[in-house]
Amino acid sequence: MQIKLKGKKYTYDLNLNAMANFEKETGKSLTAIGEDATITDIRALLWAGLNEGEEIGIEAVGKLVDINNIEEVSEKIMQLYESAMPDEGKNKISPIG
């Protein structure tokens, strides 16, 4: 999936490596975060998927999202998360905003 952040297009890929990187970064299982996802979780999920296309630090990812685009970005990420997770392991994550 392509996602535009601060005028630049990035490839976002929530593959197994990205999911494992999210878990390593947060100490949380991706299938267990559910509706209580935090801003830190959203940033880590964005970072993990973007990092599959190019190396980018988690702090740099955080600078790509601000009050003007957080709702749009979190909605896109959550849609991809929901489509990637099997129904039996899926918890609904609410987008920020």
N, C-alpha and C. Protein backbone atom coordinates (compact mmCIF):
# COMPACT_ATOMS: atom_id res chain seq x y z
N MET A 1 0.85 -1.17 0.00
CA MET A 1 0.00 0.00 0.00
C MET A 1 0.90 1.23 0.00
N GLN A 2 0.50 2.22 -0.76
CA GLN A 2 1.21 3.50 -0.78
C GLN A 2 0.54 4.44 0.22
N ILE A 3 1.37 5.16 0.96
CA ILE A 3 0.86 6.13 1.92
C ILE A 3 1.68 7.41 1.75
N LYS A 4 0.99 8.54 1.67
CA LYS A 4 1.67 9.81 1.49
C LYS A 4 1.78 10.51 2.84
N LEU A 5 3.01 10.86 3.20
CA LEU A 5 3.30 11.52 4.47
C LEU A 5 4.20 12.70 4.21
N LYS A 6 3.76 13.89 4.59
CA LYS A 6 4.55 15.11 4.44
C LYS A 6 5.03 15.28 2.99
N GLY A 7 4.15 14.98 2.03
CA GLY A 7 4.45 15.20 0.63
C GLY A 7 5.26 14.11 -0.05
N LYS A 8 5.63 13.06 0.66
CA LYS A 8 6.42 11.97 0.07
C LYS A 8 5.62 10.68 0.15
N LYS A 9 5.69 9.89 -0.92
CA LYS A 9 5.01 8.59 -0.93
C LYS A 9 5.93 7.52 -0.36
N TYR A 10 5.36 6.71 0.51
CA TYR A 10 6.06 5.59 1.13
C TYR A 10 5.30 4.32 0.83
N THR A 11 6.02 3.21 0.78
CA THR A 11 5.38 1.90 0.68
C THR A 11 5.22 1.37 2.09
N TYR A 12 3.99 0.95 2.40
CA TYR A 12 3.68 0.38 3.71
C TYR A 12 3.36 -1.09 3.52
N ASP A 13 4.06 -1.96 4.22
CA ASP A 13 3.88 -3.40 4.08
C ASP A 13 3.84 -4.04 5.45
N LEU A 14 2.66 -4.50 5.83
CA LEU A 14 2.49 -5.14 7.14
C LEU A 14 2.66 -6.65 6.97
N ASN A 15 3.91 -7.05 6.72
CA ASN A 15 4.21 -8.47 6.55
C ASN A 15 4.67 -9.07 7.89
N LEU A 16 5.07 -10.32 7.87
CA LEU A 16 5.45 -11.00 9.11
C LEU A 16 6.63 -10.32 9.80
N ASN A 17 7.61 -9.86 9.02
CA ASN A 17 8.74 -9.14 9.62
C ASN A 17 8.28 -7.87 10.32
N ALA A 18 7.39 -7.13 9.66
CA ALA A 18 6.88 -5.89 10.27
C ALA A 18 6.13 -6.20 11.56
N MET A 19 5.32 -7.26 11.55
CA MET A 19 4.58 -7.63 12.76
C MET A 19 5.52 -8.01 13.89
N ALA A 20 6.57 -8.75 13.56
CA ALA A 20 7.56 -9.14 14.57
C ALA A 20 8.31 -7.90 15.09
N ASN A 21 8.62 -6.96 14.21
CA ASN A 21 9.30 -5.74 14.63
C ASN A 21 8.41 -4.90 15.54
N PHE A 22 7.11 -4.86 15.24
CA PHE A 22 6.17 -4.16 16.12
C PHE A 22 6.20 -4.78 17.51
N GLU A 23 6.12 -6.11 17.58
CA GLU A 23 6.14 -6.81 18.87
C GLU A 23 7.45 -6.56 19.62
N LYS A 24 8.57 -6.58 18.89
CA LYS A 24 9.86 -6.35 19.53
C LYS A 24 9.95 -4.92 20.08
N GLU A 25 9.44 -3.96 19.32
CA GLU A 25 9.50 -2.55 19.73
C GLU A 25 8.60 -2.26 20.93
N THR A 26 7.39 -2.83 20.92
CA THR A 26 6.40 -2.48 21.94
C THR A 26 6.28 -3.49 23.08
N GLY A 27 6.73 -4.72 22.84
CA GLY A 27 6.54 -5.77 23.83
C GLY A 27 5.10 -6.28 23.85
N LYS A 28 4.32 -5.88 22.85
CA LYS A 28 2.91 -6.29 22.77
C LYS A 28 2.69 -7.16 21.55
N SER A 29 1.78 -8.10 21.69
CA SER A 29 1.35 -8.88 20.54
C SER A 29 0.44 -8.02 19.68
N LEU A 30 0.65 -8.05 18.41
CA LEU A 30 -0.18 -7.26 17.50
C LEU A 30 -1.64 -7.68 17.56
N THR A 31 -1.88 -8.94 17.82
CA THR A 31 -3.27 -9.43 17.89
C THR A 31 -3.95 -9.06 19.20
N ALA A 32 -3.21 -8.54 20.16
CA ALA A 32 -3.79 -8.26 21.47
C ALA A 32 -3.98 -6.78 21.77
N ILE A 33 -3.61 -5.89 20.85
CA ILE A 33 -3.69 -4.48 21.21
C ILE A 33 -5.11 -3.93 21.19
N GLY A 34 -5.95 -4.39 20.29
CA GLY A 34 -7.37 -4.04 20.30
C GLY A 34 -7.67 -2.56 20.37
N GLU A 35 -8.82 -2.23 20.93
CA GLU A 35 -9.30 -0.86 20.98
C GLU A 35 -8.49 0.04 21.90
N ASP A 36 -7.66 -0.54 22.75
CA ASP A 36 -6.86 0.28 23.65
C ASP A 36 -5.49 0.62 23.05
N ALA A 37 -5.40 0.62 21.72
CA ALA A 37 -4.16 1.00 21.05
C ALA A 37 -3.79 2.43 21.43
N THR A 38 -2.54 2.63 21.75
CA THR A 38 -2.06 3.95 22.15
C THR A 38 -1.40 4.65 20.96
N ILE A 39 -1.07 5.91 21.15
CA ILE A 39 -0.32 6.65 20.13
C ILE A 39 1.01 5.94 19.87
N THR A 40 1.63 5.44 20.92
CA THR A 40 2.89 4.71 20.78
C THR A 40 2.70 3.47 19.92
N ASP A 41 1.58 2.77 20.11
CA ASP A 41 1.29 1.59 19.29
C ASP A 41 1.11 1.97 17.82
N ILE A 42 0.36 3.04 17.57
CA ILE A 42 0.12 3.49 16.20
C ILE A 42 1.44 3.87 15.53
N ARG A 43 2.28 4.61 16.25
CA ARG A 43 3.59 5.00 15.70
C ARG A 43 4.43 3.76 15.40
N ALA A 44 4.45 2.80 16.32
CA ALA A 44 5.24 1.59 16.12
C ALA A 44 4.71 0.77 14.94
N LEU A 45 3.40 0.72 14.78
CA LEU A 45 2.80 -0.02 13.68
C LEU A 45 3.13 0.66 12.34
N LEU A 46 3.08 1.97 12.32
CA LEU A 46 3.46 2.72 11.12
C LEU A 46 4.94 2.49 10.82
N TRP A 47 5.77 2.63 11.81
CA TRP A 47 7.22 2.43 11.65
C TRP A 47 7.54 1.03 11.13
N ALA A 48 6.92 0.03 11.71
CA ALA A 48 7.22 -1.35 11.33
C ALA A 48 6.89 -1.59 9.86
N GLY A 49 5.75 -1.10 9.40
CA GLY A 49 5.36 -1.29 8.01
C GLY A 49 6.17 -0.46 7.03
N LEU A 50 6.52 0.77 7.42
CA LEU A 50 7.34 1.62 6.55
C LEU A 50 8.76 1.10 6.46
N ASN A 51 9.25 0.54 7.54
CA ASN A 51 10.62 0.07 7.61
C ASN A 51 10.86 -1.12 6.68
N GLU A 52 9.81 -1.73 6.19
CA GLU A 52 9.96 -2.83 5.25
C GLU A 52 10.33 -2.31 3.86
N GLY A 53 10.02 -1.04 3.56
CA GLY A 53 10.34 -0.46 2.27
C GLY A 53 11.66 0.30 2.26
N GLU A 54 11.98 0.93 3.34
CA GLU A 54 13.23 1.68 3.48
C GLU A 54 13.53 1.83 4.96
N GLU A 55 14.80 1.96 5.27
CA GLU A 55 15.15 2.13 6.67
C GLU A 55 14.78 3.52 7.14
N ILE A 56 13.99 3.56 8.18
CA ILE A 56 13.56 4.83 8.76
C ILE A 56 13.41 4.60 10.26
N GLY A 57 13.93 5.50 11.04
CA GLY A 57 13.86 5.36 12.49
C GLY A 57 12.47 5.66 13.03
N ILE A 58 12.17 5.12 14.19
CA ILE A 58 10.84 5.31 14.78
C ILE A 58 10.57 6.77 15.11
N GLU A 59 11.58 7.51 15.54
CA GLU A 59 11.40 8.94 15.81
C GLU A 59 11.14 9.71 14.52
N ALA A 60 11.82 9.32 13.44
CA ALA A 60 11.59 9.97 12.14
C ALA A 60 10.17 9.72 11.65
N VAL A 61 9.66 8.52 11.89
CA VAL A 61 8.27 8.20 11.53
C VAL A 61 7.32 9.10 12.31
N GLY A 62 7.58 9.28 13.58
CA GLY A 62 6.74 10.14 14.41
C GLY A 62 6.66 11.56 13.89
N LYS A 63 7.73 12.03 13.27
CA LYS A 63 7.74 13.39 12.72
C LYS A 63 6.93 13.52 11.43
N LEU A 64 6.58 12.39 10.83
CA LEU A 64 5.79 12.41 9.59
C LEU A 64 4.30 12.55 9.86
N VAL A 65 3.91 12.39 11.12
CA VAL A 65 2.49 12.44 11.48
C VAL A 65 2.28 13.56 12.48
N ASP A 66 1.28 14.39 12.21
CA ASP A 66 0.95 15.47 13.12
C ASP A 66 -0.56 15.59 13.24
N ILE A 67 -1.00 16.62 13.89
CA ILE A 67 -2.43 16.80 14.15
C ILE A 67 -3.24 16.90 12.85
N ASN A 68 -2.59 17.34 11.77
CA ASN A 68 -3.29 17.50 10.50
C ASN A 68 -3.53 16.20 9.74
N ASN A 69 -2.69 15.18 9.97
CA ASN A 69 -2.86 13.93 9.22
C ASN A 69 -3.00 12.68 10.07
N ILE A 70 -3.02 12.81 11.38
CA ILE A 70 -3.06 11.62 12.23
C ILE A 70 -4.31 10.78 12.01
N GLU A 71 -5.45 11.41 11.82
CA GLU A 71 -6.67 10.65 11.63
C GLU A 71 -6.61 9.86 10.32
N GLU A 72 -6.21 10.50 9.25
CA GLU A 72 -6.12 9.82 7.95
C GLU A 72 -5.10 8.68 7.99
N VAL A 73 -3.94 8.95 8.56
CA VAL A 73 -2.87 7.93 8.63
C VAL A 73 -3.32 6.75 9.49
N SER A 74 -3.89 7.01 10.66
CA SER A 74 -4.28 5.90 11.53
C SER A 74 -5.42 5.09 10.91
N GLU A 75 -6.33 5.74 10.18
CA GLU A 75 -7.40 5.00 9.50
C GLU A 75 -6.83 4.06 8.46
N LYS A 76 -5.87 4.53 7.66
CA LYS A 76 -5.26 3.68 6.63
C LYS A 76 -4.53 2.50 7.25
N ILE A 77 -3.77 2.77 8.30
CA ILE A 77 -3.02 1.71 8.95
C ILE A 77 -3.97 0.67 9.56
N MET A 78 -5.03 1.13 10.19
CA MET A 78 -5.97 0.21 10.81
C MET A 78 -6.72 -0.62 9.77
N GLN A 79 -7.02 -0.04 8.62
CA GLN A 79 -7.65 -0.80 7.54
C GLN A 79 -6.72 -1.92 7.08
N LEU A 80 -5.45 -1.61 6.91
CA LEU A 80 -4.50 -2.62 6.49
C LEU A 80 -4.31 -3.67 7.58
N TYR A 81 -4.22 -3.23 8.82
CA TYR A 81 -4.11 -4.16 9.95
C TYR A 81 -5.28 -5.13 9.94
N GLU A 82 -6.48 -4.60 9.81
CA GLU A 82 -7.69 -5.43 9.85
C GLU A 82 -7.70 -6.43 8.69
N SER A 83 -7.25 -6.01 7.52
CA SER A 83 -7.26 -6.92 6.39
C SER A 83 -6.15 -7.97 6.50
N ALA A 84 -5.08 -7.67 7.22
CA ALA A 84 -3.96 -8.60 7.36
C ALA A 84 -4.17 -9.64 8.44
N MET A 85 -4.97 -9.33 9.45
CA MET A 85 -5.14 -10.23 10.58
C MET A 85 -6.24 -11.24 10.31
N PRO A 86 -6.03 -12.51 10.70
CA PRO A 86 -7.11 -13.49 10.57
C PRO A 86 -8.26 -13.11 11.49
N ASP A 87 -9.49 -13.40 11.08
CA ASP A 87 -10.67 -12.99 11.85
C ASP A 87 -10.64 -13.48 13.28
N GLU A 88 -10.17 -14.71 13.52
CA GLU A 88 -10.20 -15.23 14.88
C GLU A 88 -9.18 -14.58 15.80
N GLY A 89 -8.14 -13.94 15.24
CA GLY A 89 -7.14 -13.29 16.08
C GLY A 89 -7.23 -11.78 16.07
N LYS A 90 -8.27 -11.29 15.47
CA LYS A 90 -8.39 -9.85 15.23
C LYS A 90 -9.14 -9.16 16.35
N ASN A 91 -8.59 -8.07 16.82
CA ASN A 91 -9.27 -7.16 17.72
C ASN A 91 -9.44 -5.85 16.97
N LYS A 92 -10.58 -5.27 17.05
CA LYS A 92 -10.84 -4.00 16.35
C LYS A 92 -10.02 -2.90 17.01
N ILE A 93 -9.24 -2.19 16.19
CA ILE A 93 -8.46 -1.07 16.67
C ILE A 93 -9.12 0.20 16.17
N SER A 94 -9.37 1.11 17.05
CA SER A 94 -9.99 2.37 16.66
C SER A 94 -8.93 3.34 16.17
N PRO A 95 -9.17 3.98 15.01
CA PRO A 95 -8.23 4.99 14.56
C PRO A 95 -8.21 6.19 15.51
N ILE A 96 -7.12 6.91 15.51
CA ILE A 96 -6.99 8.10 16.33
C ILE A 96 -7.71 9.25 15.62
N GLY A 97 -8.39 10.07 16.37
CA GLY A 97 -8.98 11.25 15.77
C GLY A 97 -10.43 11.41 16.03
